[in-house]
PDB file of N, CA and C in Angstrom:
ATOM      1  N   MET A   1     -43.841   9.280-168.970  1.00  0.00           N
ATOM      2  CA  MET A   1     -43.955   9.786-170.325  1.00  0.00           C
ATOM      3  C   MET A   1     -45.400   9.701-170.838  1.00  0.00           C
ATOM      4  N   VAL A   2     -46.067   8.598-170.553  1.00  0.00           N
ATOM      5  CA  VAL A   2     -47.443   8.428-170.995  1.00  0.00           C
ATOM      6  C   VAL A   2     -48.357   9.405-170.254  1.00  0.00           C
ATOM      7  N   PHE A   3     -48.088   9.626-168.953  1.00  0.00           N
ATOM      8  CA  PHE A   3     -48.887  10.567-168.170  1.00  0.00           C
ATOM      9  C   PHE A   3     -48.762  11.977-168.735  1.00  0.00           C
ATOM     10  N   MET A   4     -47.560  12.341-169.168  1.00  0.00           N
ATOM     11  CA  MET A   4     -47.351  13.674-169.733  1.00  0.00           C
ATOM     12  C   MET A   4     -48.046  13.798-171.094  1.00  0.00           C
ATOM     13  N   LEU A   5     -48.031  12.745-171.879  1.00  0.00           N
ATOM     14  CA  LEU A   5     -48.726  12.756-173.167  1.00  0.00           C
ATOM     15  C   LEU A   5     -50.236  12.887-172.970  1.00  0.00           C
ATOM     16  N   ASN A   6     -50.775  12.195-171.973  1.00  0.00           N
ATOM     17  CA  ASN A   6     -52.208  12.322-171.680  1.00  0.00           C
ATOM     18  C   ASN A   6     -52.549  13.741-171.257  1.00  0.00           C
ATOM     19  N   ASN A   7     -51.689  14.353-170.447  1.00  0.00           N
ATOM     20  CA  ASN A   7     -51.949  15.729-170.022  1.00  0.00           C
ATOM     21  C   ASN A   7     -51.929  16.682-171.205  1.00  0.00           C
ATOM     22  N   MET A   8     -51.039  16.461-172.142  1.00  0.00           N
ATOM     23  CA  MET A   8     -50.969  17.334-173.316  1.00  0.00           C
ATOM     24  C   MET A   8     -52.221  17.179-174.185  1.00  0.00           C
ATOM     25  N   ILE A   9     -52.727  15.968-174.304  1.00  0.00           N
ATOM     26  CA  ILE A   9     -53.942  15.744-175.087  1.00  0.00           C
ATOM     27  C   ILE A   9     -55.121  16.448-174.439  1.00  0.00           C
ATOM     28  N   PHE A  10     -55.230  16.352-173.110  1.00  0.00           N
ATOM     29  CA  PHE A  10     -56.350  16.991-172.421  1.00  0.00           C
ATOM     30  C   PHE A  10     -56.235  18.504-172.448  1.00  0.00           C
ATOM     31  N   LEU A  11     -55.009  19.020-172.370  1.00  0.00           N
ATOM     32  CA  LEU A  11     -54.827  20.468-172.484  1.00  0.00           C
ATOM     33  C   LEU A  11     -55.187  20.953-173.884  1.00  0.00           C
ATOM     34  N   LEU A  12     -54.846  20.179-174.903  1.00  0.00           N
ATOM     35  CA  LEU A  12     -55.228  20.533-176.268  1.00  0.00           C
ATOM     36  C   LEU A  12     -56.747  20.531-176.419  1.00  0.00           C
ATOM     37  N   MET A  13     -57.408  19.535-175.836  1.00  0.00           N
ATOM     38  CA  MET A  13     -58.873  19.496-175.874  1.00  0.00           C
ATOM     39  C   MET A  13     -59.460  20.705-175.158  1.00  0.00           C
ATOM     40  N   PHE A  14     -58.892  21.055-174.018  1.00  0.00           N
ATOM     41  CA  PHE A  14     -59.389  22.186-173.233  1.00  0.00           C
ATOM     42  C   PHE A  14     -59.254  23.487-174.013  1.00  0.00           C
ATOM     43  N   PHE A  15     -58.102  23.719-174.616  1.00  0.00           N
ATOM     44  CA  PHE A  15     -57.903  24.966-175.345  1.00  0.00           C
ATOM     45  C   PHE A  15     -58.694  25.017-176.655  1.00  0.00           C
ATOM     46  N   CYS A  16     -58.921  23.869-177.276  1.00  0.00           N
ATOM     47  CA  CYS A  16     -59.808  23.846-178.445  1.00  0.00           C
ATOM     48  C   CYS A  16     -61.233  24.221-178.043  1.00  0.00           C
ATOM     49  N   GLY A  17     -61.679  23.714-176.908  1.00  0.00           N
ATOM     50  CA  GLY A  17     -62.997  24.079-176.409  1.00  0.00           C
ATOM     51  C   GLY A  17     -63.086  25.550-176.066  1.00  0.00           C
ATOM     52  N   LEU A  18     -62.038  26.110-175.469  1.00  0.00           N
ATOM     53  CA  LEU A  18     -62.029  27.542-175.163  1.00  0.00           C
ATOM     54  C   LEU A  18     -62.041  28.389-176.428  1.00  0.00           C
ATOM     55  N   PHE A  19     -61.333  27.937-177.453  1.00  0.00           N
ATOM     56  CA  PHE A  19     -61.314  28.677-178.716  1.00  0.00           C
ATOM     57  C   PHE A  19     -62.700  28.697-179.354  1.00  0.00           C
ATOM     58  N   VAL A  20     -63.360  27.557-179.374  1.00  0.00           N
ATOM     59  CA  VAL A  20     -64.704  27.499-179.951  1.00  0.00           C
ATOM     60  C   VAL A  20     -65.670  28.325-179.109  1.00  0.00           C
ATOM     61  N   PHE A  21     -65.524  28.271-177.788  1.00  0.00           N
ATOM     62  CA  PHE A  21     -66.397  29.049-176.906  1.00  0.00           C
ATOM     63  C   PHE A  21     -66.250  30.542-177.154  1.00  0.00           C
ATOM     64  N   SER A  22     -65.016  30.996-177.360  1.00  0.00           N
ATOM     65  CA  SER A  22     -64.814  32.429-177.575  1.00  0.00           C
ATOM     66  C   SER A  22     -65.138  32.865-179.001  1.00  0.00           C
ATOM     67  N   SER A  23     -65.025  31.967-179.966  1.00  0.00           N
ATOM     68  CA  SER A  23     -65.296  32.365-181.345  1.00  0.00           C
ATOM     69  C   SER A  23     -66.783  32.272-181.708  1.00  0.00           C
ATOM     70  N   LYS A  24     -67.540  31.446-181.026  1.00  0.00           N
ATOM     71  CA  LYS A  24     -68.973  31.269-181.316  1.00  0.00           C
ATOM     72  C   LYS A  24     -69.827  31.879-180.208  1.00  0.00           C
ATOM     73  N   ARG A  25     -69.485  33.063-179.760  1.00  0.00           N
ATOM     74  CA  ARG A  25     -70.149  33.650-178.598  1.00  0.00           C
ATOM     75  C   ARG A  25     -71.525  34.210-178.904  1.00  0.00           C
ATOM     76  N   LYS A  26     -71.945  34.247-180.163  1.00  0.00           N
ATOM     77  CA  LYS A  26     -73.265  34.775-180.502  1.00  0.00           C
ATOM     78  C   LYS A  26     -74.323  33.686-180.623  1.00  0.00           C
ATOM     79  N   HIS A  27     -73.935  32.450-180.584  1.00  0.00           N
ATOM     80  CA  HIS A  27     -74.851  31.336-180.767  1.00  0.00           C
ATOM     81  C   HIS A  27     -74.867  30.514-179.482  1.00  0.00           C
ATOM     82  N   LEU A  28     -75.987  30.506-178.779  1.00  0.00           N
ATOM     83  CA  LEU A  28     -76.058  29.912-177.447  1.00  0.00           C
ATOM     84  C   LEU A  28     -75.860  28.402-177.471  1.00  0.00           C
ATOM     85  N   LEU A  29     -76.408  27.703-178.437  1.00  0.00           N
ATOM     86  CA  LEU A  29     -76.280  26.248-178.480  1.00  0.00           C
ATOM     87  C   LEU A  29     -74.829  25.835-178.689  1.00  0.00           C
ATOM     88  N   LEU A  30     -74.109  26.514-179.566  1.00  0.00           N
ATOM     89  CA  LEU A  30     -72.700  26.191-179.770  1.00  0.00           C
ATOM     90  C   LEU A  30     -71.862  26.529-178.541  1.00  0.00           C
ATOM     91  N   MET A  31     -72.246  27.563-177.823  1.00  0.00           N
ATOM     92  CA  MET A  31     -71.541  27.879-176.580  1.00  0.00           C
ATOM     93  C   MET A  31     -71.757  26.782-175.541  1.00  0.00           C
ATOM     94  N   LEU A  32     -72.977  26.279-175.443  1.00  0.00           N
ATOM     95  CA  LEU A  32     -73.252  25.206-174.491  1.00  0.00           C
ATOM     96  C   LEU A  32     -72.513  23.919-174.864  1.00  0.00           C
ATOM     97  N   LEU A  33     -72.465  23.620-176.145  1.00  0.00           N
ATOM     98  CA  LEU A  33     -71.738  22.421-176.588  1.00  0.00           C
ATOM     99  C   LEU A  33     -70.238  22.534-176.326  1.00  0.00           C
ATOM    100  N   SER A  34     -69.676  23.714-176.549  1.00  0.00           N
ATOM    101  CA  SER A  34     -68.244  23.877-176.280  1.00  0.00           C
ATOM    102  C   SER A  34     -67.963  23.832-174.782  1.00  0.00           C
ATOM    103  N   MET A  35     -68.891  24.338-173.962  1.00  0.00           N
ATOM    104  CA  MET A  35     -68.701  24.223-172.516  1.00  0.00           C
ATOM    105  C   MET A  35     -68.765  22.768-172.066  1.00  0.00           C
ATOM    106  N   GLU A  36     -69.618  21.968-172.683  1.00  0.00           N
ATOM    107  CA  GLU A  36     -69.660  20.544-172.354  1.00  0.00           C
ATOM    108  C   GLU A  36     -68.377  19.844-172.796  1.00  0.00           C
ATOM    109  N   PHE A  37     -67.803  20.262-173.905  1.00  0.00           N
ATOM    110  CA  PHE A  37     -66.525  19.697-174.351  1.00  0.00           C
ATOM    111  C   PHE A  37     -65.419  20.056-173.373  1.00  0.00           C
ATOM    112  N   ILE A  38     -65.416  21.275-172.863  1.00  0.00           N
ATOM    113  CA  ILE A  38     -64.428  21.689-171.867  1.00  0.00           C
ATOM    114  C   ILE A  38     -64.600  20.882-170.591  1.00  0.00           C
ATOM    115  N   ILE A  39     -65.842  20.677-170.171  1.00  0.00           N
ATOM    116  CA  ILE A  39     -66.111  19.895-168.963  1.00  0.00           C
ATOM    117  C   ILE A  39     -65.676  18.447-169.151  1.00  0.00           C
ATOM    118  N   LEU A  40     -65.891  17.902-170.342  1.00  0.00           N
ATOM    119  CA  LEU A  40     -65.462  16.534-170.618  1.00  0.00           C
ATOM    120  C   LEU A  40     -63.950  16.402-170.540  1.00  0.00           C
ATOM    121  N   SER A  41     -63.226  17.367-171.077  1.00  0.00           N
ATOM    122  CA  SER A  41     -61.766  17.299-171.004  1.00  0.00           C
ATOM    123  C   SER A  41     -61.285  17.458-169.570  1.00  0.00           C
ATOM    124  N   LEU A  42     -61.933  18.326-168.788  1.00  0.00           N
ATOM    125  CA  LEU A  42     -61.557  18.470-167.380  1.00  0.00           C
ATOM    126  C   LEU A  42     -61.871  17.209-166.590  1.00  0.00           C
ATOM    127  N   TYR A  43     -62.991  16.569-166.898  1.00  0.00           N
ATOM    128  CA  TYR A  43     -63.333  15.335-166.201  1.00  0.00           C
ATOM    129  C   TYR A  43     -62.329  14.228-166.514  1.00  0.00           C
ATOM    130  N   MET A  44     -61.923  14.109-167.767  1.00  0.00           N
ATOM    131  CA  MET A  44     -60.951  13.079-168.116  1.00  0.00           C
ATOM    132  C   MET A  44     -59.607  13.355-167.454  1.00  0.00           C
ATOM    133  N   LEU A  45     -59.200  14.614-167.383  1.00  0.00           N
ATOM    134  CA  LEU A  45     -57.959  14.958-166.694  1.00  0.00           C
ATOM    135  C   LEU A  45     -58.074  14.666-165.202  1.00  0.00           C
ATOM    136  N   LEU A  46     -59.202  14.978-164.610  1.00  0.00           N
ATOM    137  CA  LEU A  46     -59.428  14.697-163.191  1.00  0.00           C
ATOM    138  C   LEU A  46     -59.430  13.196-162.930  1.00  0.00           C
ATOM    139  N   PHE A  47     -60.010  12.428-163.813  1.00  0.00           N
ATOM    140  CA  PHE A  47     -60.042  10.976-163.662  1.00  0.00           C
ATOM    141  C   PHE A  47     -58.638  10.391-163.697  1.00  0.00           C
ATOM    142  N   ILE A  48     -57.813  10.854-164.625  1.00  0.00           N
ATOM    143  CA  ILE A  48     -56.428  10.376-164.701  1.00  0.00           C
ATOM    144  C   ILE A  48     -55.642  10.808-163.468  1.00  0.00           C
ATOM    145  N   PHE A  49     -55.869  12.036-163.015  1.00  0.00           N
ATOM    146  CA  PHE A  49     -55.155  12.539-161.848  1.00  0.00           C
ATOM    147  C   PHE A  49     -55.557  11.782-160.581  1.00  0.00           C
ATOM    148  N   LEU A  50     -56.843  11.506-160.401  1.00  0.00           N
ATOM    149  CA  LEU A  50     -57.294  10.807-159.200  1.00  0.00           C
ATOM    150  C   LEU A  50     -56.968   9.323-159.228  1.00  0.00           C
ATOM    151  N   SER A  51     -56.740   8.774-160.395  1.00  0.00           N
ATOM    152  CA  SER A  51     -56.362   7.364-160.445  1.00  0.00           C
ATOM    153  C   SER A  51     -54.972   7.131-159.871  1.00  0.00           C
ATOM    154  N   SER A  52     -54.156   8.170-159.810  1.00  0.00           N
ATOM    155  CA  SER A  52     -52.842   8.027-159.186  1.00  0.00           C
ATOM    156  C   SER A  52     -52.918   8.086-157.669  1.00  0.00           C
ATOM    157  N   PHE A  53     -54.078   8.494-157.117  1.00  0.00           N
ATOM    158  CA  PHE A  53     -54.259   8.572-155.676  1.00  0.00           C
ATOM    159  C   PHE A  53     -55.122   7.437-155.150  1.00  0.00           C
ATOM    160  N   ASP A  54     -54.755   6.235-155.467  1.00  0.00           N
ATOM    161  CA  ASP A  54     -55.370   5.045-154.904  1.00  0.00           C
ATOM    162  C   ASP A  54     -56.868   4.967-155.209  1.00  0.00           C
ATOM    163  N   TYR A  55     -57.248   5.370-156.399  1.00  0.00           N
ATOM    164  CA  TYR A  55     -58.619   5.237-156.907  1.00  0.00           C
ATOM    165  C   TYR A  55     -59.656   5.911-156.010  1.00  0.00           C
ATOM    166  N   GLU A  56     -59.408   7.143-155.657  1.00  0.00           N
ATOM    167  CA  GLU A  56     -60.366   7.953-154.913  1.00  0.00           C
ATOM    168  C   GLU A  56     -61.214   8.728-155.913  1.00  0.00           C
ATOM    169  N   PHE A  57     -62.358   8.193-156.284  1.00  0.00           N
ATOM    170  CA  PHE A  57     -63.188   8.782-157.322  1.00  0.00           C
ATOM    171  C   PHE A  57     -64.433   9.455-156.774  1.00  0.00           C
ATOM    172  N   TYR A  58     -64.505   9.684-155.479  1.00  0.00           N
ATOM    173  CA  TYR A  58     -65.670  10.343-154.906  1.00  0.00           C
ATOM    174  C   TYR A  58     -65.780  11.774-155.431  1.00  0.00           C
ATOM    175  N   PHE A  59     -64.664  12.458-155.522  1.00  0.00           N
ATOM    176  CA  PHE A  59     -64.681  13.833-156.019  1.00  0.00           C
ATOM    177  C   PHE A  59     -65.102  13.887-157.478  1.00  0.00           C
ATOM    178  N   SER A  60     -64.746  12.881-158.254  1.00  0.00           N
ATOM    179  CA  SER A  60     -65.150  12.885-159.662  1.00  0.00           C
ATOM    180  C   SER A  60     -66.663  12.715-159.793  1.00  0.00           C
ATOM    181  N   MET A  61     -67.281  11.974-158.878  1.00  0.00           N
ATOM    182  CA  MET A  61     -68.738  11.857-158.905  1.00  0.00           C
ATOM    183  C   MET A  61     -69.397  13.182-158.545  1.00  0.00           C
ATOM    184  N   MET A  62     -68.833  13.896-157.596  1.00  0.00           N
ATOM    185  CA  MET A  62     -69.361  15.215-157.249  1.00  0.00           C
ATOM    186  C   MET A  62     -69.203  16.177-158.424  1.00  0.00           C
ATOM    187  N   PHE A  63     -68.071  16.084-159.121  1.00  0.00           N
ATOM    188  CA  PHE A  63     -67.833  16.911-160.298  1.00  0.00           C
ATOM    189  C   PHE A  63     -68.877  16.630-161.375  1.00  0.00           C
ATOM    190  N   LEU A  64     -69.198  15.363-161.588  1.00  0.00           N
ATOM    191  CA  LEU A  64     -70.211  15.004-162.583  1.00  0.00           C
ATOM    192  C   LEU A  64     -71.594  15.511-162.189  1.00  0.00           C
ATOM    193  N   VAL A  65     -71.916  15.483-160.896  1.00  0.00           N
ATOM    194  CA  VAL A  65     -73.214  15.980-160.443  1.00  0.00           C
ATOM    195  C   VAL A  65     -73.345  17.466-160.739  1.00  0.00           C
ATOM    196  N   PHE A  66     -72.319  18.244-160.428  1.00  0.00           N
ATOM    197  CA  PHE A  66     -72.375  19.678-160.695  1.00  0.00           C
ATOM    198  C   PHE A  66     -72.373  19.975-162.191  1.00  0.00           C
ATOM    199  N   CYS A  67     -71.692  19.161-162.976  1.00  0.00           N
ATOM    200  CA  CYS A  67     -71.686  19.358-164.432  1.00  0.00           C
ATOM    201  C   CYS A  67     -73.058  19.088-165.027  1.00  0.00           C
ATOM    202  N   VAL A  68     -73.735  18.082-164.524  1.00  0.00           N
ATOM    203  CA  VAL A  68     -75.079  17.791-165.012  1.00  0.00           C
ATOM    204  C   VAL A  68     -76.034  18.916-164.632  1.00  0.00           C
ATOM    205  N   CYS A  69     -75.891  19.449-163.414  1.00  0.00           N
ATOM    206  CA  CYS A  69     -76.735  20.577-163.002  1.00  0.00           C
ATOM    207  C   CYS A  69     -76.484  21.793-163.889  1.00  0.00           C
ATOM    208  N   GLU A  70     -75.238  22.042-164.233  1.00  0.00           N
ATOM    209  CA  GLU A  70     -74.897  23.165-165.119  1.00  0.00           C
ATOM    210  C   GLU A  70     -75.481  22.949-166.503  1.00  0.00           C
ATOM    211  N   SER A  71     -75.453  21.733-166.980  1.00  0.00           N
ATOM    212  CA  SER A  71     -76.005  21.430-168.303  1.00  0.00           C
ATOM    213  C   SER A  71     -77.511  21.619-168.333  1.00  0.00           C
ATOM    214  N   VAL A  72     -78.183  21.188-167.292  1.00  0.00           N
ATOM    215  CA  VAL A  72     -79.639  21.328-167.244  1.00  0.00           C
ATOM    216  C   VAL A  72     -80.028  22.803-167.174  1.00  0.00           C
ATOM    217  N   LEU A  73     -79.303  23.594-166.411  1.00  0.00           N
ATOM    218  CA  LEU A  73     -79.597  25.026-166.353  1.00  0.00           C
ATOM    219  C   LEU A  73     -79.380  25.697-167.702  1.00  0.00           C
ATOM    220  N   GLY A  74     -78.302  25.317-168.397  1.00  0.00           N
ATOM    221  CA  GLY A  74     -78.045  25.879-169.724  1.00  0.00           C
ATOM    222  C   GLY A  74     -79.117  25.509-170.719  1.00  0.00           C
ATOM    223  N   LEU A  75     -79.566  24.260-170.687  1.00  0.00           N
ATOM    224  CA  LEU A  75     -80.628  23.843-171.607  1.00  0.00           C
ATOM    225  C   LEU A  75     -81.954  24.511-171.290  1.00  0.00           C
ATOM    226  N   SER A  76     -82.224  24.737-170.004  1.00  0.00           N
ATOM    227  CA  SER A  76     -83.477  25.418-169.670  1.00  0.00           C
ATOM    228  C   SER A  76     -83.444  26.873-170.125  1.00  0.00           C
ATOM    229  N   ILE A  77     -82.288  27.515-170.033  1.00  0.00           N
ATOM    230  CA  ILE A  77     -82.153  28.880-170.559  1.00  0.00           C
ATOM    231  C   ILE A  77     -82.324  28.881-172.073  1.00  0.00           C
ATOM    232  N   LEU A  78     -81.764  27.877-172.745  1.00  0.00           N
ATOM    233  CA  LEU A  78     -81.891  27.770-174.196  1.00  0.00           C
ATOM    234  C   LEU A  78     -83.353  27.589-174.604  1.00  0.00           C
ATOM    235  N   VAL A  79     -84.077  26.730-173.908  1.00  0.00           N
ATOM    236  CA  VAL A  79     -85.488  26.491-174.245  1.00  0.00           C
ATOM    237  C   VAL A  79     -86.314  27.746-174.010  1.00  0.00           C
ATOM    238  N   SER A  80     -86.088  28.428-172.892  1.00  0.00           N
ATOM    239  CA  SER A  80     -86.871  29.646-172.633  1.00  0.00           C
ATOM    240  C   SER A  80     -86.518  30.755-173.617  1.00  0.00           C
ATOM    241  N   LEU A  81     -85.269  30.825-174.052  1.00  0.00           N
ATOM    242  CA  LEU A  81     -84.872  31.823-175.045  1.00  0.00           C
ATOM    243  C   LEU A  81     -85.519  31.539-176.392  1.00  0.00           C
ATOM    244  N   ILE A  82     -85.562  30.287-176.786  1.00  0.00           N
ATOM    245  CA  ILE A  82     -86.178  29.928-178.069  1.00  0.00           C
ATOM    246  C   ILE A  82     -87.685  30.152-178.021  1.00  0.00           C
ATOM    247  N   ARG A  83     -88.318  29.899-176.881  1.00  0.00           N
ATOM    248  CA  ARG A  83     -89.760  30.130-176.770  1.00  0.00           C
ATOM    249  C   ARG A  83     -90.110  31.611-176.829  1.00  0.00           C
ATOM    250  N   THR A  84     -89.258  32.463-176.271  1.00  0.00           N
ATOM    251  CA  THR A  84     -89.597  33.888-176.255  1.00  0.00           C
ATOM    252  C   THR A  84     -89.148  34.612-177.516  1.00  0.00           C
ATOM    253  N   HIS A  85     -87.984  34.256-178.065  1.00  0.00           N
ATOM    254  CA  HIS A  85     -87.427  35.006-179.200  1.00  0.00           C
ATOM    255  C   HIS A  85     -87.468  34.247-180.524  1.00  0.00           C
ATOM    256  N   GLY A  86     -87.643  32.947-180.501  1.00  0.00           N
ATOM    257  CA  GLY A  86     -87.748  32.189-181.740  1.00  0.00           C
ATOM    258  C   GLY A  86     -86.441  31.616-182.237  1.00  0.00           C
ATOM    259  N   ASN A  87     -85.313  32.092-181.761  1.00  0.00           N
ATOM    260  CA  ASN A  87     -84.013  31.533-182.140  1.00  0.00           C
ATOM    261  C   ASN A  87     -83.048  31.695-180.979  1.00  0.00           C
ATOM    262  N   ASP A  88     -81.819  31.216-181.160  1.00  0.00           N
ATOM    263  CA  ASP A  88     -80.870  31.277-180.054  1.00  0.00           C
ATOM    264  C   ASP A  88     -79.657  32.148-180.378  1.00  0.00           C
ATOM    265  N   TYR A  89     -79.858  33.161-181.205  1.00  0.00           N
ATOM    266  CA  TYR A  89     -78.794  34.117-181.482  1.00  0.00           C
ATOM    267  C   TYR A  89     -78.903  35.284-180.511  1.00  0.00           C
ATOM    268  N   PHE A  90     -77.786  35.704-179.954  1.00  0.00           N
ATOM    269  CA  PHE A  90     -77.804  36.783-178.982  1.00  0.00           C
ATOM    270  C   PHE A  90     -78.081  38.137-179.617  1.00  0.00           C
ATOM    271  N   PHE A  91     -77.689  38.332-180.877  1.00  0.00           N
ATOM    272  CA  PHE A  91     -77.856  39.662-181.485  1.00  0.00           C
ATOM    273  C   PHE A  91     -79.313  39.954-181.822  1.00  0.00           C
ATOM    274  N   SER A  92     -80.189  38.949-181.771  1.00  0.00           N
ATOM    275  CA  SER A  92     -81.602  39.202-182.069  1.00  0.00           C
ATOM    276  C   SER A  92     -82.370  39.684-180.857  1.00  0.00           C
ATOM    277  N   MET A  93     -81.758  39.661-179.690  1.00  0.00           N
ATOM    278  CA  MET A  93     -82.441  40.114-178.483  1.00  0.00           C
ATOM    279  C   MET A  93     -82.313  41.634-178.330  1.00  0.00           C
ATOM    280  N   ASN A  94     -83.368  42.257-177.902  1.00  0.00           N
ATOM    281  CA  ASN A  94     -83.368  43.688-177.630  1.00  0.00           C
ATOM    282  C   ASN A  94     -83.402  43.880-176.120  1.00  0.00           C
ATOM    283  N   LEU A  95     -82.365  44.470-175.562  1.00  0.00           N
ATOM    284  CA  LEU A  95     -82.272  44.607-174.126  1.00  0.00           C
ATOM    285  C   LEU A  95     -82.930  45.882-173.612  1.00  0.00           C
ATOM    286  N   CYS A  96     -83.424  46.758-174.486  1.00  0.00           N
ATOM    287  CA  CYS A  96     -84.046  48.019-174.043  1.00  0.00           C
ATOM    288  C   CYS A  96     -85.480  47.818-173.660  1.00  0.00           C
TER     289      CYS A  96
END
C-alpha cells in the first residue's frame, strides 16, 4: 500500500512537471526548471524501484550523471541565448 502511494505521488509530480513544461514553452529558463523537476521525480521513482532489488544503485548513479550533463547543456544554451539576444524568450528570436 505504501509503495503504491509513493508511486502515485511521483506520478503526480511527473505530470505537474509536464504540465508546466507544456504551458511555459516560450520561456527557456522555466522550461529548464520544469525539466529538472521531471528528472527529480523520475530519479526518486527509480530510487524506490531499485531499492526493492537488493540495493542495486549503480544505474541510479548513471542516471544522475546523464541528468547533470543534460542540465549543463541546457544552461550553456541559456547563457549563449541571453548573450546573443538579451533575454530568454523564444518569440524574440528571428529565425530568418
